[in-house]
Structure formats: structure tokens, C-alpha cells
Amino acid sequence: MSAPQNDGASLPVWEDEIRTTGPEDTQAAAERIGRELAAGDLILLTGELGAGKTTFTQGLGRGLGVRPGIISPTFVLVRIHPSLSDGPDLVHVDAYRLGSSGEIDDIDLENTMDSSVTVVEWGRGLVEHLTESRLEITLVRPTGADAAQIRDAGHLAFDFDDDPDEERVIRMAAYGPRWERTNLRPEEPADGAGPKET
């Protein structure tokens, strides 16, 4: 029996993570990532309440050069943030209240996918059919009295006490041919290790 082939849909072509120490640091990391994005890119953004999804998207918007004022699209489902230059617009979607890929199709993202960068919060399992490549970003916030010990053990606990200055972990998993030769790591670690290949 041969090893399964990576079709770009089920296995990531690379994985990586970035640790940040506050909202400004999270936005700066997202801004660096935003500078590398292009029209047609699909970002699935996941994280518990208070993890920093909107903060992260604000940084992406700065990196893309879109009009400032990014807020959560929770009550409108979709917000379009136009580019201030010749770059792509940012389409920001909150899929939390959507229950199927059919409901995603109803909001007609296909019309903007090719000309925009699309960020979908809570989109896992709902939007993967829109394109062959995607970047899944998970924002994790280790919390509690033993956060350092939990983090060192590789386990994470969550609470909903929103302390914006807590460490965040930005986990990235890239799927599909778009990401095969793209490393979004802001700077190479001293030991020369890059993204984790899978």
C-alpha cells in the first residue's frame, strides 16, 4: 500500500506558528502576512472568543493597504474593505451563524474571490470548496494560572477573561499549490528551521 498523496485539500503543504505578546504584536505579525497575500487568497480564521480575530484582521488589512476601520462583521456577515491602492480588496466574513456551505454560496463570495483576499472567521468546513488553496490560521490564547506550564506541555486551556496583553499563538496551515513555495514566517529562526513540512 502506498502513502497517501497530498492533493492540497486534506494535508497541509506546510505548518508554522508565531507567538505574539499583545495586540500590537499580533497586528504587526498579521501586517507582515498581509503584505504577502494576493487576490484570490482564502484565509480561514479560527479562534475562541477574545482570541484576537478582529485584531489580526486589522493587521492583515494594514498589510494589504485597505481602508482602515476594520471591525467584526458579526451582524452583517460580510464587510468589504476597499484597497487604497491597486492591491486587492479585503472581504471579511463571519460565518459563525451559517450552518452549511450552501449558506456560504448564498452570500455569493465567488463573485469577489478572484479580485480580493477573503478572510472567513469560523469558516472551517464551510468554505474550502471555494478554491483549491487556502491558509488556515488559528489564534490560540493560553490562559490560567499555569499557562506557561500548560503551554510547555503542549496543551492549551481557554477562558473568556479578555486580557489583550496575553500571549497569542498564531498557528498557520497552508493547503494547496498556492502555498507550496510561499513561507509567511516573518524572519527565519537562528537555527535555519523554516515551516514544518508535512
C-alpha atoms as a PDB file:
ATOM      1  CA  MET A   1       0.000   0.000   0.000  1.00  0.00           C
ATOM      2  CA  SER A   2       1.449   3.381  -0.965  1.00  0.00           C
ATOM      3  CA  ALA A   3       1.475   6.520   1.116  1.00  0.00           C
ATOM      4  CA  PRO A   4      -1.455   8.850   0.513  1.00  0.00           C
ATOM      5  CA  GLN A   5      -0.815  11.647  -1.962  1.00  0.00           C
ATOM      6  CA  ASN A   6      -1.112  15.247  -0.832  1.00  0.00           C
ATOM      7  CA  ASP A   7      -3.892  16.633  -3.012  1.00  0.00           C
ATOM      8  CA  GLY A   8      -3.642  20.032  -1.326  1.00  0.00           C
ATOM      9  CA  ALA A   9      -7.060  19.617   0.260  1.00  0.00           C
ATOM     10  CA  SER A  10      -6.553  17.175   3.111  1.00  0.00           C
ATOM     11  CA  LEU A  11      -2.910  17.633   4.148  1.00  0.00           C
ATOM     12  CA  PRO A  12      -1.147  20.958   4.618  1.00  0.00           C
ATOM     13  CA  VAL A  13       1.893  21.667   2.446  1.00  0.00           C
ATOM     14  CA  TRP A  14       3.429  23.410   5.453  1.00  0.00           C
ATOM     15  CA  GLU A  15       2.598  24.445   9.001  1.00  0.00           C
ATOM     16  CA  ASP A  16       4.123  27.121  11.202  1.00  0.00           C
ATOM     17  CA  GLU A  17       3.383  29.209  14.257  1.00  0.00           C
ATOM     18  CA  ILE A  18       4.204  32.665  15.528  1.00  0.00           C
ATOM     19  CA  ARG A  19       3.969  33.789  19.158  1.00  0.00           C
ATOM     20  CA  THR A  20       2.884  37.333  19.952  1.00  0.00           C
ATOM     21  CA  THR A  21       2.711  39.209  23.246  1.00  0.00           C
ATOM     22  CA  GLY A  22      -0.076  41.763  22.769  1.00  0.00           C
ATOM     23  CA  PRO A  23      -2.450  43.332  20.251  1.00  0.00           C
ATOM     24  CA  GLU A  24       0.213  45.496  18.607  1.00  0.00           C
ATOM     25  CA  ASP A  25       2.482  42.467  18.190  1.00  0.00           C
ATOM     26  CA  THR A  26      -0.417  40.406  16.772  1.00  0.00           C
ATOM     27  CA  GLN A  27      -1.290  43.192  14.325  1.00  0.00           C
ATOM     28  CA  ALA A  28       2.358  43.563  13.284  1.00  0.00           C
ATOM     29  CA  ALA A  29       2.634  39.819  12.553  1.00  0.00           C
ATOM     30  CA  ALA A  30      -0.626  39.926  10.590  1.00  0.00           C
ATOM     31  CA  GLU A  31       0.547  43.010   8.695  1.00  0.00           C
ATOM     32  CA  ARG A  32       3.687  41.143   7.570  1.00  0.00           C
ATOM     33  CA  ILE A  33       1.495  38.242   6.438  1.00  0.00           C
ATOM     34  CA  GLY A  34      -0.892  40.660   4.685  1.00  0.00           C
ATOM     35  CA  ARG A  35       1.945  42.039   2.559  1.00  0.00           C
ATOM     36  CA  GLU A  36       2.435  38.557   1.093  1.00  0.00           C
ATOM     37  CA  LEU A  37      -1.211  37.944   0.222  1.00  0.00           C
ATOM     38  CA  ALA A  38      -2.652  38.310  -3.264  1.00  0.00           C
ATOM     39  CA  ALA A  39      -6.024  38.483  -4.953  1.00  0.00           C
ATOM     40  CA  GLY A  40      -7.678  35.065  -4.802  1.00  0.00           C
ATOM     41  CA  ASP A  41      -6.225  34.088  -1.428  1.00  0.00           C
ATOM     42  CA  LEU A  42      -8.640  32.488   1.028  1.00  0.00           C
ATOM     43  CA  ILE A  43      -7.876  32.716   4.753  1.00  0.00           C
ATOM     44  CA  LEU A  44      -9.850  30.659   7.272  1.00  0.00           C
ATOM     45  CA  LEU A  45      -9.521  32.393  10.631  1.00  0.00           C
ATOM     46  CA  THR A  46     -10.368  30.452  13.775  1.00  0.00           C
ATOM     47  CA  GLY A  47     -10.104  31.264  17.463  1.00  0.00           C
ATOM     48  CA  GLU A  48     -12.155  31.323  20.632  1.00  0.00           C
ATOM     49  CA  LEU A  49     -13.997  34.469  21.678  1.00  0.00           C
ATOM     50  CA  GLY A  50     -11.412  37.062  22.655  1.00  0.00           C
ATOM     51  CA  ALA A  51      -8.579  35.297  20.828  1.00  0.00           C
ATOM     52  CA  GLY A  52      -7.933  38.335  18.616  1.00  0.00           C
ATOM     53  CA  LYS A  53      -9.518  37.512  15.245  1.00  0.00           C
ATOM     54  CA  THR A  54     -10.575  41.103  14.563  1.00  0.00           C
ATOM     55  CA  THR A  55      -7.238  42.441  15.833  1.00  0.00           C
ATOM     56  CA  PHE A  56      -5.466  40.028  13.485  1.00  0.00           C
ATOM     57  CA  THR A  57      -7.681  41.035  10.538  1.00  0.00           C
ATOM     58  CA  GLN A  58      -6.929  44.717  11.211  1.00  0.00           C
ATOM     59  CA  GLY A  59      -3.229  43.913  10.811  1.00  0.00           C
ATOM     60  CA  LEU A  60      -3.898  41.975   7.602  1.00  0.00           C
ATOM     61  CA  GLY A  61      -5.799  44.996   6.295  1.00  0.00           C
ATOM     62  CA  ARG A  62      -2.833  47.283   7.014  1.00  0.00           C
ATOM     63  CA  GLY A  63      -0.526  44.888   5.192  1.00  0.00           C
ATOM     64  CA  LEU A  64      -2.883  44.796   2.212  1.00  0.00           C
ATOM     65  CA  GLY A  65      -3.287  48.566   2.192  1.00  0.00           C
ATOM     66  CA  VAL A  66      -7.067  48.630   2.533  1.00  0.00           C
ATOM     67  CA  ARG A  67      -9.161  51.425   4.023  1.00  0.00           C
ATOM     68  CA  PRO A  68      -8.808  51.463   7.841  1.00  0.00           C
ATOM     69  CA  GLY A  69     -11.715  50.860  10.201  1.00  0.00           C
ATOM     70  CA  ILE A  70     -11.952  47.065  10.157  1.00  0.00           C
ATOM     71  CA  ILE A  71     -14.497  45.799  12.674  1.00  0.00           C
ATOM     72  CA  SER A  72     -16.102  42.405  13.121  1.00  0.00           C
ATOM     73  CA  PRO A  73     -18.750  41.530  10.519  1.00  0.00           C
ATOM     74  CA  THR A  74     -20.733  39.514  13.079  1.00  0.00           C
ATOM     75  CA  PHE A  75     -24.105  41.159  12.462  1.00  0.00           C
ATOM     76  CA  VAL A  76     -23.789  41.836   8.734  1.00  0.00           C
ATOM     77  CA  LEU A  77     -21.973  38.591   7.796  1.00  0.00           C
ATOM     78  CA  VAL A  78     -19.743  40.280   5.168  1.00  0.00           C
ATOM     79  CA  ARG A  79     -17.784  43.535   5.089  1.00  0.00           C
ATOM     80  CA  ILE A  80     -15.768  44.652   2.066  1.00  0.00           C
ATOM     81  CA  HIS A  81     -12.772  46.864   2.801  1.00  0.00           C
ATOM     82  CA  PRO A  82     -11.593  48.540  -0.425  1.00  0.00           C
ATOM     83  CA  SER A  83      -7.952  48.850  -1.334  1.00  0.00           C
ATOM     84  CA  LEU A  84      -6.399  52.310  -1.135  1.00  0.00           C
ATOM     85  CA  SER A  85      -4.006  51.403  -3.959  1.00  0.00           C
ATOM     86  CA  ASP A  86      -4.009  48.969  -6.851  1.00  0.00           C
ATOM     87  CA  GLY A  87      -3.995  45.945  -4.496  1.00  0.00           C
ATOM     88  CA  PRO A  88      -6.875  43.597  -3.738  1.00  0.00           C
ATOM     89  CA  ASP A  89      -9.829  44.472  -1.531  1.00  0.00           C
ATOM     90  CA  LEU A  90     -10.302  42.618   1.751  1.00  0.00           C
ATOM     91  CA  VAL A  91     -13.567  40.682   2.071  1.00  0.00           C
ATOM     92  CA  HIS A  92     -14.150  39.884   5.763  1.00  0.00           C
ATOM     93  CA  VAL A  93     -16.794  37.239   6.526  1.00  0.00           C
ATOM     94  CA  ASP A  94     -18.166  35.981   9.834  1.00  0.00           C
ATOM     95  CA  ALA A  95     -19.616  32.508   9.223  1.00  0.00           C
ATOM     96  CA  TYR A  96     -20.443  31.786  12.880  1.00  0.00           C
ATOM     97  CA  ARG A  97     -24.210  31.801  12.289  1.00  0.00           C
ATOM     98  CA  LEU A  98     -24.034  29.966   8.961  1.00  0.00           C
ATOM     99  CA  GLY A  99     -24.718  26.256   9.068  1.00  0.00           C
ATOM    100  CA  SER A 100     -23.744  24.951   5.642  1.00  0.00           C
ATOM    101  CA  SER A 101     -21.671  25.570   2.555  1.00  0.00           C
ATOM    102  CA  GLY A 102     -24.978  26.282   0.794  1.00  0.00           C
ATOM    103  CA  GLU A 103     -25.480  29.307   3.040  1.00  0.00           C
ATOM    104  CA  ILE A 104     -21.940  30.425   2.147  1.00  0.00           C
ATOM    105  CA  ASP A 105     -22.880  30.100  -1.522  1.00  0.00           C
ATOM    106  CA  ASP A 106     -25.947  32.285  -0.855  1.00  0.00           C
ATOM    107  CA  ILE A 107     -23.728  35.224   0.154  1.00  0.00           C
ATOM    108  CA  ASP A 108     -22.026  34.932  -3.252  1.00  0.00           C
ATOM    109  CA  LEU A 109     -18.337  35.005  -2.317  1.00  0.00           C
ATOM    110  CA  GLU A 110     -17.482  33.542  -5.726  1.00  0.00           C
ATOM    111  CA  ASN A 111     -18.017  36.986  -7.267  1.00  0.00           C
ATOM    112  CA  THR A 112     -15.189  38.554  -5.241  1.00  0.00           C
ATOM    113  CA  MET A 113     -12.810  35.604  -4.737  1.00  0.00           C
ATOM    114  CA  ASP A 114     -10.606  36.273  -7.783  1.00  0.00           C
ATOM    115  CA  SER A 115     -10.180  40.001  -7.126  1.00  0.00           C
ATOM    116  CA  SER A 116      -9.979  40.071  -3.320  1.00  0.00           C
ATOM    117  CA  VAL A 117      -8.329  38.486  -0.319  1.00  0.00           C
ATOM    118  CA  THR A 118     -11.135  36.722   1.549  1.00  0.00           C
ATOM    119  CA  VAL A 119     -10.920  36.178   5.317  1.00  0.00           C
ATOM    120  CA  VAL A 120     -13.603  33.925   6.786  1.00  0.00           C
ATOM    121  CA  GLU A 121     -13.960  33.709  10.545  1.00  0.00           C
ATOM    122  CA  TRP A 122     -15.479  30.415  11.749  1.00  0.00           C
ATOM    123  CA  GLY A 123     -15.340  29.083   8.181  1.00  0.00           C
ATOM    124  CA  ARG A 124     -13.765  25.662   8.680  1.00  0.00           C
ATOM    125  CA  GLY A 125     -15.912  23.039   6.976  1.00  0.00           C
ATOM    126  CA  LEU A 126     -17.911  25.666   5.086  1.00  0.00           C
ATOM    127  CA  VAL A 127     -15.673  27.446   2.544  1.00  0.00           C
ATOM    128  CA  GLU A 128     -12.971  25.014   1.472  1.00  0.00           C
ATOM    129  CA  HIS A 129     -14.888  24.327  -1.769  1.00  0.00           C
ATOM    130  CA  LEU A 130     -14.390  27.921  -2.958  1.00  0.00           C
ATOM    131  CA  THR A 131     -10.765  27.458  -4.073  1.00  0.00           C
ATOM    132  CA  GLU A 132      -8.098  24.784  -4.324  1.00  0.00           C
ATOM    133  CA  SER A 133      -5.713  26.625  -1.971  1.00  0.00           C
ATOM    134  CA  ARG A 134      -6.284  28.130   1.441  1.00  0.00           C
ATOM    135  CA  LEU A 135      -4.441  29.304   4.511  1.00  0.00           C
ATOM    136  CA  GLU A 136      -5.919  28.236   7.834  1.00  0.00           C
ATOM    137  CA  ILE A 137      -4.936  30.497  10.713  1.00  0.00           C
ATOM    138  CA  THR A 138      -5.853  29.604  14.269  1.00  0.00           C
ATOM    139  CA  LEU A 139      -5.383  32.131  17.059  1.00  0.00           C
ATOM    140  CA  VAL A 140      -4.797  30.472  20.413  1.00  0.00           C
ATOM    141  CA  ARG A 141      -4.724  32.158  23.777  1.00  0.00           C
ATOM    142  CA  PRO A 142      -3.211  30.052  26.578  1.00  0.00           C
ATOM    143  CA  THR A 143      -4.751  31.147  29.858  1.00  0.00           C
ATOM    144  CA  GLY A 144      -4.987  30.342  33.546  1.00  0.00           C
ATOM    145  CA  ALA A 145      -2.530  30.320  36.426  1.00  0.00           C
ATOM    146  CA  ASP A 146      -0.499  27.550  34.881  1.00  0.00           C
ATOM    147  CA  ALA A 147      -0.494  28.869  31.308  1.00  0.00           C
ATOM    148  CA  ALA A 148       3.297  28.597  30.993  1.00  0.00           C
ATOM    149  CA  GLN A 149       3.303  25.008  32.227  1.00  0.00           C
ATOM    150  CA  ILE A 150       0.321  24.110  30.058  1.00  0.00           C
ATOM    151  CA  ARG A 151       1.955  25.732  27.042  1.00  0.00           C
ATOM    152  CA  ASP A 152       5.239  23.952  27.661  1.00  0.00           C
ATOM    153  CA  ALA A 153       3.398  20.629  27.884  1.00  0.00           C
ATOM    154  CA  GLY A 154       1.769  21.293  24.515  1.00  0.00           C
ATOM    155  CA  HIS A 155      -1.777  21.660  25.893  1.00  0.00           C
ATOM    156  CA  LEU A 156      -3.901  24.768  25.908  1.00  0.00           C
ATOM    157  CA  ALA A 157      -6.687  25.925  28.210  1.00  0.00           C
ATOM    158  CA  PHE A 158      -9.177  28.652  27.471  1.00  0.00           C
ATOM    159  CA  ASP A 159     -11.156  31.141  29.466  1.00  0.00           C
ATOM    160  CA  PHE A 160     -13.100  34.196  28.410  1.00  0.00           C
ATOM    161  CA  ASP A 161     -11.330  36.841  30.514  1.00  0.00           C
ATOM    162  CA  ASP A 162     -10.129  39.009  27.632  1.00  0.00           C
ATOM    163  CA  ASP A 163      -6.628  40.215  28.508  1.00  0.00           C
ATOM    164  CA  PRO A 164      -5.282  41.688  25.262  1.00  0.00           C
ATOM    165  CA  ASP A 165      -1.705  41.643  26.550  1.00  0.00           C
ATOM    166  CA  GLU A 166      -1.631  37.873  26.949  1.00  0.00           C
ATOM    167  CA  GLU A 167       0.500  35.811  24.640  1.00  0.00           C
ATOM    168  CA  ARG A 168      -1.213  34.612  21.475  1.00  0.00           C
ATOM    169  CA  VAL A 169      -0.097  31.764  19.270  1.00  0.00           C
ATOM    170  CA  ILE A 170      -0.814  32.203  15.565  1.00  0.00           C
ATOM    171  CA  ARG A 171      -0.892  28.734  14.011  1.00  0.00           C
ATOM    172  CA  MET A 172      -0.812  28.553  10.236  1.00  0.00           C
ATOM    173  CA  ALA A 173      -1.535  25.568   7.998  1.00  0.00           C
ATOM    174  CA  ALA A 174      -1.236  26.086   4.237  1.00  0.00           C
ATOM    175  CA  TYR A 175      -3.168  23.931   1.768  1.00  0.00           C
ATOM    176  CA  GLY A 176      -2.893  23.705  -1.996  1.00  0.00           C
ATOM    177  CA  PRO A 177      -0.479  24.726  -4.747  1.00  0.00           C
ATOM    178  CA  ARG A 178      -0.608  28.476  -4.000  1.00  0.00           C
ATOM    179  CA  TRP A 179       1.339  27.896  -0.785  1.00  0.00           C
ATOM    180  CA  GLU A 180       3.878  25.282  -1.917  1.00  0.00           C
ATOM    181  CA  ARG A 181       6.688  27.832  -2.323  1.00  0.00           C
ATOM    182  CA  THR A 182       5.464  30.579  -0.008  1.00  0.00           C
ATOM    183  CA  ASN A 183       6.798  30.949   3.517  1.00  0.00           C
ATOM    184  CA  LEU A 184       4.952  33.551   5.592  1.00  0.00           C
ATOM    185  CA  ARG A 185       7.347  33.375   8.519  1.00  0.00           C
ATOM    186  CA  PRO A 186       8.394  36.974   9.290  1.00  0.00           C
ATOM    187  CA  GLU A 187      12.021  36.023   9.772  1.00  0.00           C
ATOM    188  CA  GLU A 188      13.976  32.797   9.693  1.00  0.00           C
ATOM    189  CA  PRO A 189      14.855  31.359  13.112  1.00  0.00           C
ATOM    190  CA  ALA A 190      18.545  31.360  14.023  1.00  0.00           C
ATOM    191  CA  ASP A 191      18.775  27.578  13.618  1.00  0.00           C
ATOM    192  CA  GLY A 192      17.606  27.868   9.996  1.00  0.00           C
ATOM    193  CA  ALA A 193      14.402  25.897  10.593  1.00  0.00           C
ATOM    194  CA  GLY A 194      11.554  27.051   8.417  1.00  0.00           C
ATOM    195  CA  PRO A 195       7.938  25.967   8.286  1.00  0.00           C
ATOM    196  CA  LYS A 196       7.160  22.448   9.432  1.00  0.00           C
ATOM    197  CA  GLU A 197       6.800  20.360   6.277  1.00  0.00           C
ATOM    198  CA  THR A 198       4.108  17.695   6.316  1.00  0.00           C
END
